[in-house]
Amino acid sequence: MSGDDSELQRLQAKRLAEMQKNISSRESTEETRESPEEKIVNPRDVLIKQLGFRGLEVLTNAESQFPNETKMVIDKLYELIKTGEINEILDGGKLLALFRSIGLSVRMDTKINIQQDGKFVSLTDKLSNASNSNDDVE
């Protein structure tokens, strides 16, 4: 019987060691899961939450035209937002003025619409229609 008892104790000790190992590995994986979520903050995402009307459009154009410079601007704006120095909504006009003040002439698509017969028509369509009708007259 003492042989069975010693075998049982050995198995219990082995099982206890396995359980402790599982618990410690589970705790370490939980810590590593929580840590990256807190540390990984995308400055661009924080800035996008702070953008207002047409702000994202200006930011996207700036990123496509000046990727390196825009990255630096995003990082600096993120720092200012994080410290609380910028707490207002940045609309497209303010963001465009910021880029132009640092020497980045971000080009924006411009469209002029005029009202004709109760509908909004682009100026290019209006001028092309007017020139076509003048060609027909001559």
N, C-alpha and C. Protein backbone atom coordinates (compact mmCIF):
# COMPACT_ATOMS: atom_id res chain seq x y z
N MET A 1 0.80 -1.19 0.00
CA MET A 1 0.00 0.00 0.00
C MET A 1 0.84 1.26 0.00
N SER A 2 1.97 1.20 0.70
CA SER A 2 2.81 2.39 0.76
C SER A 2 3.35 2.73 -0.62
N GLY A 3 3.50 1.73 -1.48
CA GLY A 3 3.93 1.98 -2.87
C GLY A 3 2.86 2.73 -3.63
N ASP A 4 1.59 2.37 -3.40
CA ASP A 4 0.48 3.06 -4.05
C ASP A 4 0.37 4.50 -3.55
N ASP A 5 0.59 4.69 -2.23
CA ASP A 5 0.52 6.03 -1.65
C ASP A 5 1.62 6.93 -2.22
N SER A 6 2.81 6.39 -2.32
CA SER A 6 3.90 7.21 -2.85
C SER A 6 3.67 7.53 -4.33
N GLU A 7 3.13 6.57 -5.07
CA GLU A 7 2.81 6.81 -6.48
C GLU A 7 1.72 7.86 -6.61
N LEU A 8 0.72 7.79 -5.74
CA LEU A 8 -0.37 8.75 -5.75
C LEU A 8 0.15 10.15 -5.41
N GLN A 9 1.02 10.25 -4.40
CA GLN A 9 1.59 11.55 -4.02
C GLN A 9 2.43 12.12 -5.16
N ARG A 10 3.19 11.26 -5.83
CA ARG A 10 4.02 11.72 -6.94
C ARG A 10 3.14 12.26 -8.08
N LEU A 11 2.05 11.56 -8.39
CA LEU A 11 1.13 12.02 -9.43
C LEU A 11 0.43 13.33 -9.04
N GLN A 12 0.06 13.43 -7.73
CA GLN A 12 -0.57 14.65 -7.26
C GLN A 12 0.40 15.82 -7.34
N ALA A 13 1.65 15.60 -6.99
CA ALA A 13 2.65 16.67 -7.05
C ALA A 13 2.88 17.11 -8.50
N LYS A 14 2.92 16.11 -9.39
CA LYS A 14 3.11 16.42 -10.81
C LYS A 14 1.93 17.24 -11.35
N ARG A 15 0.73 16.82 -10.98
CA ARG A 15 -0.48 17.53 -11.43
C ARG A 15 -0.54 18.93 -10.85
N LEU A 16 -0.15 19.10 -9.59
CA LEU A 16 -0.12 20.41 -8.95
C LEU A 16 0.87 21.32 -9.67
N ALA A 17 2.04 20.80 -10.03
CA ALA A 17 3.05 21.59 -10.74
C ALA A 17 2.52 22.03 -12.11
N GLU A 18 1.81 21.14 -12.80
CA GLU A 18 1.24 21.48 -14.10
C GLU A 18 0.18 22.58 -13.97
N MET A 19 -0.64 22.48 -12.94
CA MET A 19 -1.68 23.48 -12.72
C MET A 19 -1.08 24.85 -12.41
N GLN A 20 -0.03 24.86 -11.58
CA GLN A 20 0.63 26.13 -11.26
C GLN A 20 1.27 26.74 -12.50
N LYS A 21 1.85 25.88 -13.34
CA LYS A 21 2.47 26.35 -14.57
C LYS A 21 1.41 26.95 -15.50
N ASN A 22 0.26 26.29 -15.62
CA ASN A 22 -0.83 26.80 -16.45
C ASN A 22 -1.34 28.14 -15.94
N ILE A 23 -1.49 28.26 -14.64
CA ILE A 23 -1.98 29.51 -14.05
C ILE A 23 -1.00 30.64 -14.31
N SER A 24 0.28 30.39 -14.11
CA SER A 24 1.28 31.45 -14.33
C SER A 24 1.37 31.83 -15.80
N SER A 25 1.26 30.86 -16.71
CA SER A 25 1.31 31.20 -18.14
C SER A 25 0.06 31.96 -18.55
N ARG A 26 -1.10 31.63 -17.97
CA ARG A 26 -2.33 32.35 -18.26
C ARG A 26 -2.23 33.80 -17.79
N GLU A 27 -1.68 34.00 -16.61
CA GLU A 27 -1.54 35.36 -16.08
C GLU A 27 -0.59 36.18 -16.95
N SER A 28 0.50 35.57 -17.40
CA SER A 28 1.46 36.32 -18.22
C SER A 28 0.85 36.67 -19.58
N THR A 29 0.03 35.77 -20.16
CA THR A 29 -0.60 36.10 -21.44
C THR A 29 -1.65 37.18 -21.26
N GLU A 30 -2.35 37.19 -20.13
CA GLU A 30 -3.33 38.26 -19.88
C GLU A 30 -2.63 39.60 -19.73
N GLU A 31 -1.48 39.62 -19.07
CA GLU A 31 -0.73 40.86 -18.91
C GLU A 31 -0.25 41.37 -20.26
N THR A 32 0.24 40.47 -21.10
CA THR A 32 0.73 40.91 -22.41
C THR A 32 -0.42 41.37 -23.29
N ARG A 33 -1.60 40.81 -23.13
CA ARG A 33 -2.75 41.27 -23.89
C ARG A 33 -3.17 42.67 -23.47
N GLU A 34 -3.15 42.95 -22.20
CA GLU A 34 -3.58 44.24 -21.71
C GLU A 34 -2.57 45.33 -22.02
N SER A 35 -1.31 45.04 -21.92
CA SER A 35 -0.27 46.04 -22.11
C SER A 35 -0.26 46.64 -23.51
N PRO A 36 -0.26 45.83 -24.58
CA PRO A 36 -0.21 46.45 -25.90
C PRO A 36 -1.42 47.32 -26.22
N GLU A 37 -2.59 46.95 -25.71
CA GLU A 37 -3.77 47.76 -25.98
C GLU A 37 -3.61 49.15 -25.40
N GLU A 38 -2.99 49.25 -24.26
CA GLU A 38 -2.80 50.55 -23.63
C GLU A 38 -1.69 51.33 -24.32
N LYS A 39 -0.66 50.65 -24.78
CA LYS A 39 0.50 51.34 -25.34
C LYS A 39 0.32 51.69 -26.80
N ILE A 40 -0.37 50.86 -27.57
CA ILE A 40 -0.50 51.10 -29.00
C ILE A 40 -1.62 52.11 -29.23
N VAL A 41 -1.21 53.34 -29.54
CA VAL A 41 -2.16 54.39 -29.85
C VAL A 41 -1.72 54.97 -31.18
N ASN A 42 -2.63 54.93 -32.14
CA ASN A 42 -2.32 55.45 -33.46
C ASN A 42 -2.60 56.96 -33.44
N PRO A 43 -1.56 57.80 -33.61
CA PRO A 43 -1.77 59.25 -33.58
C PRO A 43 -2.77 59.72 -34.63
N ARG A 44 -2.79 59.05 -35.79
CA ARG A 44 -3.71 59.44 -36.86
C ARG A 44 -5.16 59.25 -36.42
N ASP A 45 -5.44 58.13 -35.74
CA ASP A 45 -6.80 57.87 -35.28
C ASP A 45 -7.25 58.92 -34.26
N VAL A 46 -6.34 59.31 -33.38
CA VAL A 46 -6.67 60.33 -32.38
C VAL A 46 -6.97 61.65 -33.09
N LEU A 47 -6.15 61.98 -34.09
CA LEU A 47 -6.36 63.22 -34.83
C LEU A 47 -7.69 63.19 -35.59
N ILE A 48 -8.02 62.06 -36.19
CA ILE A 48 -9.26 61.95 -36.96
C ILE A 48 -10.47 62.20 -36.07
N LYS A 49 -10.41 61.77 -34.82
CA LYS A 49 -11.52 62.01 -33.90
C LYS A 49 -11.68 63.50 -33.61
N GLN A 50 -10.62 64.27 -33.80
CA GLN A 50 -10.62 65.70 -33.50
C GLN A 50 -10.97 66.55 -34.73
N LEU A 51 -11.11 65.90 -35.90
CA LEU A 51 -11.37 66.64 -37.13
C LEU A 51 -12.85 66.92 -37.31
N GLY A 52 -13.13 68.07 -37.92
CA GLY A 52 -14.50 68.46 -38.19
C GLY A 52 -14.81 68.40 -39.67
N PHE A 53 -15.65 69.33 -40.13
CA PHE A 53 -16.14 69.37 -41.51
C PHE A 53 -14.99 69.43 -42.50
N ARG A 54 -14.91 68.45 -43.39
CA ARG A 54 -13.92 68.32 -44.46
C ARG A 54 -12.49 68.20 -43.95
N GLY A 55 -12.31 67.97 -42.67
CA GLY A 55 -10.97 67.80 -42.12
C GLY A 55 -10.30 66.54 -42.62
N LEU A 56 -11.06 65.46 -42.70
CA LEU A 56 -10.50 64.20 -43.17
C LEU A 56 -10.11 64.30 -44.64
N GLU A 57 -10.88 65.04 -45.41
CA GLU A 57 -10.57 65.22 -46.83
C GLU A 57 -9.24 65.95 -46.99
N VAL A 58 -9.02 66.99 -46.21
CA VAL A 58 -7.76 67.74 -46.26
C VAL A 58 -6.60 66.85 -45.82
N LEU A 59 -6.81 66.09 -44.74
CA LEU A 59 -5.76 65.21 -44.24
C LEU A 59 -5.40 64.14 -45.27
N THR A 60 -6.38 63.56 -45.91
CA THR A 60 -6.14 62.53 -46.93
C THR A 60 -5.36 63.10 -48.12
N ASN A 61 -5.76 64.29 -48.58
CA ASN A 61 -5.04 64.92 -49.68
C ASN A 61 -3.60 65.23 -49.28
N ALA A 62 -3.41 65.72 -48.08
CA ALA A 62 -2.06 66.04 -47.61
C ALA A 62 -1.20 64.78 -47.53
N GLU A 63 -1.79 63.69 -47.04
CA GLU A 63 -1.04 62.44 -46.94
C GLU A 63 -0.64 61.91 -48.32
N SER A 64 -1.50 62.08 -49.31
CA SER A 64 -1.16 61.58 -50.64
C SER A 64 -0.14 62.47 -51.33
N GLN A 65 -0.16 63.77 -51.05
CA GLN A 65 0.75 64.69 -51.72
C GLN A 65 2.08 64.86 -50.98
N PHE A 66 2.05 64.84 -49.65
CA PHE A 66 3.25 65.03 -48.82
C PHE A 66 3.27 64.01 -47.70
N PRO A 67 3.55 62.73 -47.98
CA PRO A 67 3.42 61.69 -46.95
C PRO A 67 4.36 61.87 -45.76
N ASN A 68 5.61 62.19 -45.98
CA ASN A 68 6.57 62.31 -44.88
C ASN A 68 6.28 63.52 -44.00
N GLU A 69 6.03 64.65 -44.64
CA GLU A 69 5.77 65.88 -43.89
C GLU A 69 4.45 65.77 -43.11
N THR A 70 3.45 65.15 -43.74
CA THR A 70 2.16 65.00 -43.07
C THR A 70 2.28 64.10 -41.85
N LYS A 71 3.10 63.07 -41.95
CA LYS A 71 3.33 62.18 -40.80
C LYS A 71 3.88 62.97 -39.61
N MET A 72 4.82 63.86 -39.89
CA MET A 72 5.39 64.68 -38.81
C MET A 72 4.34 65.63 -38.23
N VAL A 73 3.50 66.20 -39.09
CA VAL A 73 2.44 67.10 -38.62
C VAL A 73 1.44 66.33 -37.77
N ILE A 74 1.09 65.12 -38.20
CA ILE A 74 0.15 64.29 -37.44
C ILE A 74 0.72 63.99 -36.06
N ASP A 75 2.00 63.62 -36.00
CA ASP A 75 2.63 63.32 -34.71
C ASP A 75 2.62 64.53 -33.79
N LYS A 76 2.92 65.71 -34.34
CA LYS A 76 2.96 66.92 -33.52
C LYS A 76 1.54 67.30 -33.06
N LEU A 77 0.57 67.18 -33.95
CA LEU A 77 -0.81 67.48 -33.55
C LEU A 77 -1.29 66.50 -32.49
N TYR A 78 -0.87 65.24 -32.59
CA TYR A 78 -1.23 64.25 -31.59
C TYR A 78 -0.67 64.66 -30.22
N GLU A 79 0.58 65.11 -30.20
CA GLU A 79 1.18 65.54 -28.93
C GLU A 79 0.39 66.71 -28.34
N LEU A 80 0.02 67.66 -29.20
CA LEU A 80 -0.72 68.83 -28.72
C LEU A 80 -2.12 68.46 -28.22
N ILE A 81 -2.74 67.51 -28.88
CA ILE A 81 -4.07 67.04 -28.43
C ILE A 81 -3.93 66.30 -27.11
N LYS A 82 -2.89 65.47 -27.02
CA LYS A 82 -2.69 64.67 -25.80
C LYS A 82 -2.40 65.55 -24.59
N THR A 83 -1.64 66.62 -24.79
CA THR A 83 -1.32 67.51 -23.67
C THR A 83 -2.46 68.48 -23.37
N GLY A 84 -3.44 68.58 -24.26
CA GLY A 84 -4.58 69.45 -24.01
C GLY A 84 -4.42 70.84 -24.58
N GLU A 85 -3.33 71.10 -25.29
CA GLU A 85 -3.15 72.42 -25.89
C GLU A 85 -4.12 72.65 -27.05
N ILE A 86 -4.51 71.57 -27.71
CA ILE A 86 -5.55 71.65 -28.74
C ILE A 86 -6.74 70.87 -28.21
N ASN A 87 -7.84 71.59 -27.97
CA ASN A 87 -9.03 70.91 -27.49
C ASN A 87 -10.25 71.27 -28.34
N GLU A 88 -10.02 71.96 -29.44
CA GLU A 88 -11.12 72.33 -30.32
C GLU A 88 -11.17 71.40 -31.53
N ILE A 89 -12.27 71.43 -32.22
CA ILE A 89 -12.44 70.63 -33.44
C ILE A 89 -11.71 71.34 -34.58
N LEU A 90 -10.90 70.58 -35.31
CA LEU A 90 -10.15 71.13 -36.44
C LEU A 90 -10.93 70.83 -37.72
N ASP A 91 -11.51 71.88 -38.30
CA ASP A 91 -12.21 71.65 -39.56
C ASP A 91 -11.22 71.73 -40.72
N GLY A 92 -11.71 71.47 -41.91
CA GLY A 92 -10.84 71.43 -43.08
C GLY A 92 -10.12 72.74 -43.34
N GLY A 93 -10.80 73.84 -43.13
CA GLY A 93 -10.18 75.15 -43.36
C GLY A 93 -9.00 75.41 -42.44
N LYS A 94 -9.17 75.09 -41.16
CA LYS A 94 -8.08 75.29 -40.20
C LYS A 94 -6.90 74.39 -40.51
N LEU A 95 -7.20 73.14 -40.86
CA LEU A 95 -6.13 72.20 -41.17
C LEU A 95 -5.40 72.61 -42.44
N LEU A 96 -6.14 73.06 -43.44
CA LEU A 96 -5.52 73.53 -44.68
C LEU A 96 -4.66 74.76 -44.42
N ALA A 97 -5.14 75.67 -43.58
CA ALA A 97 -4.36 76.85 -43.23
C ALA A 97 -3.08 76.45 -42.49
N LEU A 98 -3.17 75.45 -41.64
CA LEU A 98 -1.99 74.97 -40.92
C LEU A 98 -0.95 74.43 -41.90
N PHE A 99 -1.39 73.59 -42.83
CA PHE A 99 -0.45 73.04 -43.81
C PHE A 99 0.17 74.14 -44.66
N ARG A 100 -0.62 75.10 -45.06
CA ARG A 100 -0.08 76.19 -45.90
C ARG A 100 0.85 77.09 -45.10
N SER A 101 0.59 77.25 -43.80
CA SER A 101 1.47 78.11 -42.99
C SER A 101 2.85 77.49 -42.79
N ILE A 102 2.96 76.17 -42.90
CA ILE A 102 4.27 75.54 -42.77
C ILE A 102 4.90 75.27 -44.13
N GLY A 103 4.27 75.79 -45.19
CA GLY A 103 4.87 75.71 -46.52
C GLY A 103 4.41 74.55 -47.36
N LEU A 104 3.39 73.82 -46.94
CA LEU A 104 2.88 72.71 -47.73
C LEU A 104 1.60 73.18 -48.43
N SER A 105 1.69 73.35 -49.74
CA SER A 105 0.53 73.80 -50.50
C SER A 105 -0.28 72.59 -50.93
N VAL A 106 -1.17 72.19 -50.06
CA VAL A 106 -2.02 71.02 -50.33
C VAL A 106 -3.07 71.43 -51.34
N ARG A 107 -3.11 70.69 -52.44
CA ARG A 107 -4.09 70.98 -53.49
C ARG A 107 -5.39 70.25 -53.18
N MET A 108 -6.48 70.97 -53.33
CA MET A 108 -7.80 70.40 -53.07
C MET A 108 -8.60 70.42 -54.37
N ASP A 109 -9.44 69.43 -54.54
CA ASP A 109 -10.34 69.44 -55.69
C ASP A 109 -11.39 70.51 -55.46
N THR A 110 -11.52 71.40 -56.42
CA THR A 110 -12.47 72.50 -56.29
C THR A 110 -13.57 72.33 -57.32
N LYS A 111 -14.78 72.49 -56.86
CA LYS A 111 -15.93 72.36 -57.74
C LYS A 111 -16.86 73.53 -57.47
N ILE A 112 -17.24 74.22 -58.54
CA ILE A 112 -18.16 75.34 -58.41
C ILE A 112 -19.48 74.94 -59.04
N ASN A 113 -20.55 75.00 -58.26
CA ASN A 113 -21.88 74.67 -58.76
C ASN A 113 -22.71 75.94 -58.83
N ILE A 114 -23.51 76.03 -59.88
CA ILE A 114 -24.44 77.14 -59.99
C ILE A 114 -25.84 76.57 -60.13
N GLN A 115 -26.82 77.39 -59.80
CA GLN A 115 -28.20 76.93 -59.86
C GLN A 115 -28.79 77.34 -61.20
N GLN A 116 -29.34 76.34 -61.89
CA GLN A 116 -29.97 76.60 -63.19
C GLN A 116 -31.25 75.79 -63.25
N ASP A 117 -32.34 76.46 -63.43
CA ASP A 117 -33.66 75.83 -63.50
C ASP A 117 -33.95 74.98 -62.26
N GLY A 118 -33.58 75.48 -61.11
CA GLY A 118 -33.87 74.79 -59.86
C GLY A 118 -32.93 73.63 -59.55
N LYS A 119 -31.91 73.41 -60.37
CA LYS A 119 -30.94 72.34 -60.14
C LYS A 119 -29.55 72.93 -60.03
N PHE A 120 -28.69 72.23 -59.30
CA PHE A 120 -27.30 72.66 -59.23
C PHE A 120 -26.51 71.96 -60.33
N VAL A 121 -25.85 72.77 -61.14
CA VAL A 121 -25.06 72.27 -62.26
C VAL A 121 -23.64 72.78 -62.07
N SER A 122 -22.66 71.92 -62.38
CA SER A 122 -21.27 72.36 -62.23
C SER A 122 -20.98 73.44 -63.28
N LEU A 123 -20.07 74.32 -62.93
CA LEU A 123 -19.74 75.42 -63.81
C LEU A 123 -19.15 74.91 -65.13
N THR A 124 -18.37 73.85 -65.08
CA THR A 124 -17.79 73.30 -66.31
C THR A 124 -18.89 72.79 -67.24
N ASP A 125 -19.90 72.11 -66.67
CA ASP A 125 -21.01 71.64 -67.51
C ASP A 125 -21.76 72.82 -68.12
N LYS A 126 -22.00 73.85 -67.34
CA LYS A 126 -22.71 75.03 -67.80
C LYS A 126 -21.95 75.70 -68.94
N LEU A 127 -20.63 75.85 -68.76
CA LEU A 127 -19.84 76.50 -69.80
C LEU A 127 -19.73 75.63 -71.05
N SER A 128 -19.62 74.31 -70.87
CA SER A 128 -19.53 73.44 -72.05
C SER A 128 -20.86 73.43 -72.80
N ASN A 129 -21.98 73.45 -72.10
CA ASN A 129 -23.28 73.51 -72.76
C ASN A 129 -23.47 74.84 -73.49
N ALA A 130 -23.00 75.91 -72.87
CA ALA A 130 -23.12 77.23 -73.49
C ALA A 130 -22.28 77.30 -74.75
N SER A 131 -21.07 76.73 -74.71
CA SER A 131 -20.22 76.76 -75.90
C SER A 131 -20.78 75.86 -77.00
N ASN A 132 -21.39 74.75 -76.63
CA ASN A 132 -21.99 73.87 -77.64
C ASN A 132 -23.19 74.55 -78.31
N SER A 133 -23.99 75.25 -77.54
CA SER A 133 -25.15 75.93 -78.12
C SER A 133 -24.71 77.08 -79.02
N ASN A 134 -23.60 77.74 -78.68
CA ASN A 134 -23.07 78.82 -79.52
C ASN A 134 -22.52 78.25 -80.83
N ASP A 135 -21.92 77.05 -80.79
CA ASP A 135 -21.39 76.43 -82.00
C ASP A 135 -22.53 76.06 -82.94
N ASP A 136 -23.67 75.64 -82.39
CA ASP A 136 -24.80 75.26 -83.22
C ASP A 136 -25.40 76.45 -83.93
N VAL A 137 -25.36 77.63 -83.30
CA VAL A 137 -25.94 78.84 -83.86
C VAL A 137 -25.17 79.28 -85.07
N GLU A 138 -23.86 79.18 -85.04
CA GLU A 138 -23.03 79.70 -86.13
C GLU A 138 -23.07 78.88 -87.32
